[in-house]
Amino acid sequence: MQLDVVNNENQKIGSVDVLDEVFGGRVNTDLMWESVVHANAAARRGTHMTKNRALVSGSGKKPWRQKGTGRARVGEIRNPLWRKGGTVFGPQPRSYDFRLPKKVERGALRAALAQKAKDHALVVVDALAVEVIKTKAAVEFLKRLGCDGKTVLVDAIVDEKLLRSVKNVPGVVLVQSAHLTARAVIDAKRVVATPSALQKLQEALGER
C-alpha cells in the first residue's frame, strides 16, 4: 500500500510504499488489549504498604499473665486482633510488571498502526524538525498538519530542537521509532511519522 507524504505546510510532495502486513493487516484487538494491560501494569508504582505486628508502634510486653485472670490469653498489644494492632497479610511494596512475549508486543504495535492507517490518522511528513527551539513554532507546525489533540511524533532520529519545543505542549510526545509502543499509538488521536521512521518500523515489525 502507499501513503501520501506531505511537507511542513501539509502539501503533498510524494508517496511512500509500506508493507501491507504492517500497516494494512488485520487489527487484532486482543493483542492490543494485552499490550496496554502490560504497559499499565509496568507503570504502577506499587508502593502500597501496611504495618504488620512487627512494624506497628507499641510495647512487646505481655499485658497480663497467661492463666488465672479469666481473660483471654494475649501476648502483646500489637496483636492483630486488637484495635491499632498489626495487619495480617496486608499489601506490601511490589512490582506489577510481568513478562509479555516479544511477538505479542510486535503484533500489538502492528495492529495499532494498522488501525491508525485505516482511520486515516497516520500522517507521513518528510521531516520532523524545527529551526529554533520555540513552543509556538512547534504548535503552529502541528496545527498545519491537522494535529489538534493527543499526537505522537515518530522519527528514526529525534531532533533535539523539536523535542524541547514540544516538551510543554499538552498531549504531544516525540519518540524514536525504536521506542514506540502500542499504548502510545492507541492513546493518540494522530500519529505523525517520517519515511525513515516507517522504514525502521517495517524492519522491526515485519513477519518473522
C-alpha atoms as a PDB file:
ATOM      1  CA  MET A   1       0.000   0.000   0.000  1.00  0.00           C
ATOM      2  CA  GLN A   2       1.002   3.622  -0.454  1.00  0.00           C
ATOM      3  CA  LEU A   3       0.819   6.555   1.926  1.00  0.00           C
ATOM      4  CA  ASP A   4       0.973  10.208   0.932  1.00  0.00           C
ATOM      5  CA  VAL A   5       3.978  12.224   2.090  1.00  0.00           C
ATOM      6  CA  VAL A   6       3.436  15.887   2.983  1.00  0.00           C
ATOM      7  CA  ASN A   7       5.779  18.725   3.871  1.00  0.00           C
ATOM      8  CA  ASN A   8       5.594  21.008   6.904  1.00  0.00           C
ATOM      9  CA  GLU A   9       2.916  23.056   5.114  1.00  0.00           C
ATOM     10  CA  ASN A  10       0.728  19.931   4.773  1.00  0.00           C
ATOM     11  CA  GLN A  11       1.165  19.910   0.988  1.00  0.00           C
ATOM     12  CA  LYS A  12       1.549  16.568  -0.765  1.00  0.00           C
ATOM     13  CA  ILE A  13       5.039  16.135  -2.192  1.00  0.00           C
ATOM     14  CA  GLY A  14       5.055  12.419  -2.944  1.00  0.00           C
ATOM     15  CA  SER A  15       4.209   8.992  -1.597  1.00  0.00           C
ATOM     16  CA  VAL A  16       5.898   6.114   0.170  1.00  0.00           C
ATOM     17  CA  ASP A  17       5.376   2.371  -0.206  1.00  0.00           C
ATOM     18  CA  VAL A  18       4.714   0.475   3.034  1.00  0.00           C
ATOM     19  CA  LEU A  19       4.174  -3.186   3.790  1.00  0.00           C
ATOM     20  CA  ASP A  20       0.586  -4.372   3.905  1.00  0.00           C
ATOM     21  CA  GLU A  21       1.483  -6.837   6.647  1.00  0.00           C
ATOM     22  CA  VAL A  22       2.475  -3.953   8.948  1.00  0.00           C
ATOM     23  CA  PHE A  23       0.163  -1.080   8.023  1.00  0.00           C
ATOM     24  CA  GLY A  24      -2.674  -2.877   6.273  1.00  0.00           C
ATOM     25  CA  GLY A  25      -3.060  -6.112   8.157  1.00  0.00           C
ATOM     26  CA  ARG A  26      -5.831  -7.349  10.420  1.00  0.00           C
ATOM     27  CA  VAL A  27      -6.444  -5.253  13.515  1.00  0.00           C
ATOM     28  CA  ASN A  28      -6.017  -7.753  16.341  1.00  0.00           C
ATOM     29  CA  THR A  29      -7.712  -6.056  19.285  1.00  0.00           C
ATOM     30  CA  ASP A  30      -6.797  -8.902  21.652  1.00  0.00           C
ATOM     31  CA  LEU A  31      -3.072  -8.241  21.205  1.00  0.00           C
ATOM     32  CA  MET A  32      -3.632  -4.506  21.630  1.00  0.00           C
ATOM     33  CA  TRP A  33      -5.504  -5.130  24.880  1.00  0.00           C
ATOM     34  CA  GLU A  34      -2.734  -7.377  26.242  1.00  0.00           C
ATOM     35  CA  SER A  35      -0.082  -4.804  25.389  1.00  0.00           C
ATOM     36  CA  VAL A  36      -1.993  -1.960  27.072  1.00  0.00           C
ATOM     37  CA  VAL A  37      -2.596  -4.047  30.207  1.00  0.00           C
ATOM     38  CA  HIS A  38       1.112  -4.876  30.351  1.00  0.00           C
ATOM     39  CA  ALA A  39       2.133  -1.241  29.901  1.00  0.00           C
ATOM     40  CA  ASN A  40      -0.308  -0.067  32.577  1.00  0.00           C
ATOM     41  CA  ALA A  41       0.884  -2.752  34.994  1.00  0.00           C
ATOM     42  CA  ALA A  42       4.533  -1.844  34.433  1.00  0.00           C
ATOM     43  CA  ALA A  43       3.721   1.830  35.095  1.00  0.00           C
ATOM     44  CA  ARG A  44       2.177   1.129  38.516  1.00  0.00           C
ATOM     45  CA  ARG A  45       4.328   2.347  41.392  1.00  0.00           C
ATOM     46  CA  GLY A  46       3.374  -0.470  43.759  1.00  0.00           C
ATOM     47  CA  THR A  47       4.394   1.459  46.896  1.00  0.00           C
ATOM     48  CA  HIS A  48       1.341   0.477  48.956  1.00  0.00           C
ATOM     49  CA  MET A  49       2.116  -0.946  52.391  1.00  0.00           C
ATOM     50  CA  THR A  50       0.518  -1.713  55.738  1.00  0.00           C
ATOM     51  CA  LYS A  51       2.271  -2.341  59.053  1.00  0.00           C
ATOM     52  CA  ASN A  52       2.341  -5.858  60.438  1.00  0.00           C
ATOM     53  CA  ARG A  53       2.683  -6.698  64.134  1.00  0.00           C
ATOM     54  CA  ALA A  54       6.464  -6.294  63.889  1.00  0.00           C
ATOM     55  CA  LEU A  55       6.259  -2.753  62.499  1.00  0.00           C
ATOM     56  CA  VAL A  56       3.327  -1.229  64.389  1.00  0.00           C
ATOM     57  CA  SER A  57       4.138   1.006  67.360  1.00  0.00           C
ATOM     58  CA  GLY A  58       3.644  -0.461  70.829  1.00  0.00           C
ATOM     59  CA  SER A  59       5.187  -2.485  73.604  1.00  0.00           C
ATOM     60  CA  GLY A  60       6.067  -6.147  73.312  1.00  0.00           C
ATOM     61  CA  LYS A  61       5.345  -6.790  76.968  1.00  0.00           C
ATOM     62  CA  LYS A  62       2.700  -9.360  77.853  1.00  0.00           C
ATOM     63  CA  PRO A  63      -0.284  -7.330  79.228  1.00  0.00           C
ATOM     64  CA  TRP A  64      -1.213  -9.908  81.882  1.00  0.00           C
ATOM     65  CA  ARG A  65      -0.247 -13.378  82.894  1.00  0.00           C
ATOM     66  CA  GLN A  66      -1.276 -16.344  80.793  1.00  0.00           C
ATOM     67  CA  LYS A  67      -3.619 -18.021  83.303  1.00  0.00           C
ATOM     68  CA  GLY A  68      -5.719 -17.189  86.325  1.00  0.00           C
ATOM     69  CA  THR A  69      -7.230 -13.833  85.324  1.00  0.00           C
ATOM     70  CA  GLY A  70     -10.295 -15.167  83.495  1.00  0.00           C
ATOM     71  CA  ARG A  71      -9.467 -13.095  80.455  1.00  0.00           C
ATOM     72  CA  ALA A  72      -8.379 -14.321  77.039  1.00  0.00           C
ATOM     73  CA  ARG A  73      -4.708 -15.032  76.644  1.00  0.00           C
ATOM     74  CA  VAL A  74      -2.752 -12.365  74.745  1.00  0.00           C
ATOM     75  CA  GLY A  75       0.926 -11.847  74.086  1.00  0.00           C
ATOM     76  CA  GLU A  76       1.235  -8.140  73.261  1.00  0.00           C
ATOM     77  CA  ILE A  77      -0.826  -5.060  72.492  1.00  0.00           C
ATOM     78  CA  ARG A  78       0.350  -5.214  68.865  1.00  0.00           C
ATOM     79  CA  ASN A  79      -1.795  -8.307  68.433  1.00  0.00           C
ATOM     80  CA  PRO A  80      -3.622  -8.141  65.049  1.00  0.00           C
ATOM     81  CA  LEU A  81      -6.881  -8.967  66.850  1.00  0.00           C
ATOM     82  CA  TRP A  82      -6.713  -5.761  68.854  1.00  0.00           C
ATOM     83  CA  ARG A  83      -7.590  -2.241  67.764  1.00  0.00           C
ATOM     84  CA  LYS A  84      -4.484  -0.432  66.477  1.00  0.00           C
ATOM     85  CA  GLY A  85      -2.734  -3.770  66.159  1.00  0.00           C
ATOM     86  CA  GLY A  86      -0.783  -5.011  63.161  1.00  0.00           C
ATOM     87  CA  THR A  87      -2.378  -6.003  59.858  1.00  0.00           C
ATOM     88  CA  VAL A  88      -2.292  -9.639  58.794  1.00  0.00           C
ATOM     89  CA  PHE A  89      -1.291 -10.325  55.176  1.00  0.00           C
ATOM     90  CA  GLY A  90      -1.686  -6.663  54.202  1.00  0.00           C
ATOM     91  CA  PRO A  91      -0.361  -5.202  50.927  1.00  0.00           C
ATOM     92  CA  GLN A  92       3.410  -4.845  50.676  1.00  0.00           C
ATOM     93  CA  PRO A  93       5.560  -2.963  48.120  1.00  0.00           C
ATOM     94  CA  ARG A  94       5.751  -4.968  44.907  1.00  0.00           C
ATOM     95  CA  SER A  95       6.178  -4.676  41.168  1.00  0.00           C
ATOM     96  CA  TYR A  96       3.149  -5.357  38.987  1.00  0.00           C
ATOM     97  CA  ASP A  97       5.272  -5.814  35.883  1.00  0.00           C
ATOM     98  CA  PHE A  98       5.156  -9.136  34.090  1.00  0.00           C
ATOM     99  CA  ARG A  99       6.808 -10.609  31.049  1.00  0.00           C
ATOM    100  CA  LEU A 100       4.983 -10.225  27.753  1.00  0.00           C
ATOM    101  CA  PRO A 101       6.239 -12.209  24.739  1.00  0.00           C
ATOM    102  CA  LYS A 102       8.010 -10.078  22.142  1.00  0.00           C
ATOM    103  CA  LYS A 103       5.767 -11.455  19.402  1.00  0.00           C
ATOM    104  CA  VAL A 104       2.744 -10.126  21.280  1.00  0.00           C
ATOM    105  CA  GLU A 105       4.338  -6.679  21.606  1.00  0.00           C
ATOM    106  CA  ARG A 106       5.202  -6.563  17.902  1.00  0.00           C
ATOM    107  CA  GLY A 107       1.765  -7.836  16.931  1.00  0.00           C
ATOM    108  CA  ALA A 108       0.069  -5.232  19.112  1.00  0.00           C
ATOM    109  CA  LEU A 109       2.107  -2.408  17.573  1.00  0.00           C
ATOM    110  CA  ARG A 110       1.335  -3.700  14.079  1.00  0.00           C
ATOM    111  CA  ALA A 111      -2.372  -3.782  14.882  1.00  0.00           C
ATOM    112  CA  ALA A 112      -2.292  -0.276  16.391  1.00  0.00           C
ATOM    113  CA  LEU A 113      -0.524   1.178  13.355  1.00  0.00           C
ATOM    114  CA  ALA A 114      -2.906  -0.633  11.001  1.00  0.00           C
ATOM    115  CA  GLN A 115      -5.866   0.830  12.883  1.00  0.00           C
ATOM    116  CA  LYS A 116      -4.466   4.360  12.574  1.00  0.00           C
ATOM    117  CA  ALA A 117      -3.838   3.866   8.849  1.00  0.00           C
ATOM    118  CA  LYS A 118      -7.366   2.535   8.434  1.00  0.00           C
ATOM    119  CA  ASP A 119      -8.787   5.568  10.271  1.00  0.00           C
ATOM    120  CA  HIS A 120      -6.639   7.958   8.176  1.00  0.00           C
ATOM    121  CA  ALA A 121      -4.983   9.113  11.390  1.00  0.00           C
ATOM    122  CA  LEU A 122      -1.442   8.291  10.223  1.00  0.00           C
ATOM    123  CA  VAL A 123       0.339  11.304   8.736  1.00  0.00           C
ATOM    124  CA  VAL A 124       3.635  10.913   6.897  1.00  0.00           C
ATOM    125  CA  VAL A 125       5.735  14.084   6.857  1.00  0.00           C
ATOM    126  CA  ASP A 126       9.042  14.470   5.049  1.00  0.00           C
ATOM    127  CA  ALA A 127      10.866  15.781   8.135  1.00  0.00           C
ATOM    128  CA  LEU A 128      10.212  16.363  11.814  1.00  0.00           C
ATOM    129  CA  ALA A 129      12.432  19.294  12.676  1.00  0.00           C
ATOM    130  CA  VAL A 130      12.272  22.972  13.580  1.00  0.00           C
ATOM    131  CA  GLU A 131      14.809  25.711  13.060  1.00  0.00           C
ATOM    132  CA  VAL A 132      14.515  27.241  16.532  1.00  0.00           C
ATOM    133  CA  ILE A 133      13.595  25.954  19.958  1.00  0.00           C
ATOM    134  CA  LYS A 134      10.195  27.567  20.354  1.00  0.00           C
ATOM    135  CA  THR A 135       6.940  26.082  21.577  1.00  0.00           C
ATOM    136  CA  LYS A 136       4.841  28.452  19.489  1.00  0.00           C
ATOM    137  CA  ALA A 137       6.587  27.357  16.293  1.00  0.00           C
ATOM    138  CA  ALA A 138       6.014  23.701  17.159  1.00  0.00           C
ATOM    139  CA  VAL A 139       2.314  24.324  17.876  1.00  0.00           C
ATOM    140  CA  GLU A 140       1.888  26.099  14.531  1.00  0.00           C
ATOM    141  CA  PHE A 141       3.668  23.230  12.776  1.00  0.00           C
ATOM    142  CA  LEU A 142       1.304  20.681  14.340  1.00  0.00           C
ATOM    143  CA  LYS A 143      -1.723  22.838  13.570  1.00  0.00           C
ATOM    144  CA  ARG A 144      -0.812  22.915   9.874  1.00  0.00           C
ATOM    145  CA  LEU A 145      -0.694  19.113   9.909  1.00  0.00           C
ATOM    146  CA  GLY A 146      -4.180  18.960  11.455  1.00  0.00           C
ATOM    147  CA  CYS A 147      -3.000  17.719  14.846  1.00  0.00           C
ATOM    148  CA  ASP A 148      -5.295  19.310  17.432  1.00  0.00           C
ATOM    149  CA  GLY A 149      -5.286  16.669  20.167  1.00  0.00           C
ATOM    150  CA  LYS A 150      -3.072  13.911  21.507  1.00  0.00           C
ATOM    151  CA  THR A 151      -0.318  13.345  18.977  1.00  0.00           C
ATOM    152  CA  VAL A 152       2.652  11.025  18.738  1.00  0.00           C
ATOM    153  CA  LEU A 153       5.577  12.198  16.610  1.00  0.00           C
ATOM    154  CA  VAL A 154       7.812   9.377  15.426  1.00  0.00           C
ATOM    155  CA  ASP A 155      11.221   9.725  13.825  1.00  0.00           C
ATOM    156  CA  ALA A 156      14.194   7.435  13.308  1.00  0.00           C
ATOM    157  CA  ILE A 157      16.473  10.005  14.948  1.00  0.00           C
ATOM    158  CA  VAL A 158      14.847  12.516  17.290  1.00  0.00           C
ATOM    159  CA  ASP A 159      15.519  16.174  16.574  1.00  0.00           C
ATOM    160  CA  GLU A 160      16.671  17.787  19.813  1.00  0.00           C
ATOM    161  CA  LYS A 161      15.228  21.202  18.974  1.00  0.00           C
ATOM    162  CA  LEU A 162      11.782  19.771  18.224  1.00  0.00           C
ATOM    163  CA  LEU A 163      11.945  17.592  21.322  1.00  0.00           C
ATOM    164  CA  ARG A 164      12.499  20.635  23.519  1.00  0.00           C
ATOM    165  CA  SER A 165       9.891  22.636  21.603  1.00  0.00           C
ATOM    166  CA  VAL A 166       7.046  20.131  22.148  1.00  0.00           C
ATOM    167  CA  LYS A 167       8.015  19.330  25.728  1.00  0.00           C
ATOM    168  CA  ASN A 168       5.459  21.793  27.107  1.00  0.00           C
ATOM    169  CA  VAL A 169       2.703  21.044  24.594  1.00  0.00           C
ATOM    170  CA  PRO A 170      -0.024  19.000  26.365  1.00  0.00           C
ATOM    171  CA  GLY A 171      -0.710  15.622  24.792  1.00  0.00           C
ATOM    172  CA  VAL A 172       2.191  15.756  22.317  1.00  0.00           C
ATOM    173  CA  VAL A 173       5.176  13.419  22.571  1.00  0.00           C
ATOM    174  CA  LEU A 174       8.157  12.872  20.311  1.00  0.00           C
ATOM    175  CA  VAL A 175       9.621   9.363  20.367  1.00  0.00           C
ATOM    176  CA  GLN A 176      12.221   7.424  18.478  1.00  0.00           C
ATOM    177  CA  SER A 177      10.792   4.680  16.271  1.00  0.00           C
ATOM    178  CA  ALA A 178      12.673   2.030  18.255  1.00  0.00           C
ATOM    179  CA  HIS A 179      10.862   3.126  21.441  1.00  0.00           C
ATOM    180  CA  LEU A 180       7.347   3.387  20.020  1.00  0.00           C
ATOM    181  CA  THR A 181       4.755   1.362  21.945  1.00  0.00           C
ATOM    182  CA  ALA A 182       1.281   0.146  21.090  1.00  0.00           C
ATOM    183  CA  ARG A 183      -0.224   2.041  24.031  1.00  0.00           C
ATOM    184  CA  ALA A 184       1.247   5.342  22.794  1.00  0.00           C
ATOM    185  CA  VAL A 185      -0.239   4.765  19.327  1.00  0.00           C
ATOM    186  CA  ILE A 186      -3.634   3.697  20.670  1.00  0.00           C
ATOM    187  CA  ASP A 187      -3.850   6.639  23.059  1.00  0.00           C
ATOM    188  CA  ALA A 188      -3.004   9.220  20.380  1.00  0.00           C
ATOM    189  CA  LYS A 189      -5.533  10.897  18.139  1.00  0.00           C
ATOM    190  CA  ARG A 190      -2.954  11.183  15.364  1.00  0.00           C
ATOM    191  CA  VAL A 191       0.403   9.603  14.607  1.00  0.00           C
ATOM    192  CA  VAL A 192       2.901  11.689  12.630  1.00  0.00           C
ATOM    193  CA  ALA A 193       5.897   9.801  11.271  1.00  0.00           C
ATOM    194  CA  THR A 194       8.731  10.331   8.815  1.00  0.00           C
ATOM    195  CA  PRO A 195       9.510   7.927   5.939  1.00  0.00           C
ATOM    196  CA  SER A 196      12.704   6.862   7.706  1.00  0.00           C
ATOM    197  CA  ALA A 197      10.720   6.045  10.846  1.00  0.00           C
ATOM    198  CA  LEU A 198       8.273   3.952   8.807  1.00  0.00           C
ATOM    199  CA  GLN A 199      11.197   2.094   7.263  1.00  0.00           C
ATOM    200  CA  LYS A 200      12.623   1.292  10.707  1.00  0.00           C
ATOM    201  CA  LEU A 201       9.203   0.148  11.925  1.00  0.00           C
ATOM    202  CA  GLN A 202       8.791  -2.114   8.906  1.00  0.00           C
ATOM    203  CA  GLU A 203      12.178  -3.699   9.539  1.00  0.00           C
ATOM    204  CA  ALA A 204      11.288  -4.339  13.179  1.00  0.00           C
ATOM    205  CA  LEU A 205       7.672  -5.402  12.738  1.00  0.00           C
ATOM    206  CA  GLY A 206       7.864  -7.454   9.546  1.00  0.00           C
ATOM    207  CA  GLU A 207       6.544 -11.014   9.869  1.00  0.00           C
ATOM    208  CA  ARG A 208       9.249 -13.364  11.113  1.00  0.00           C
END
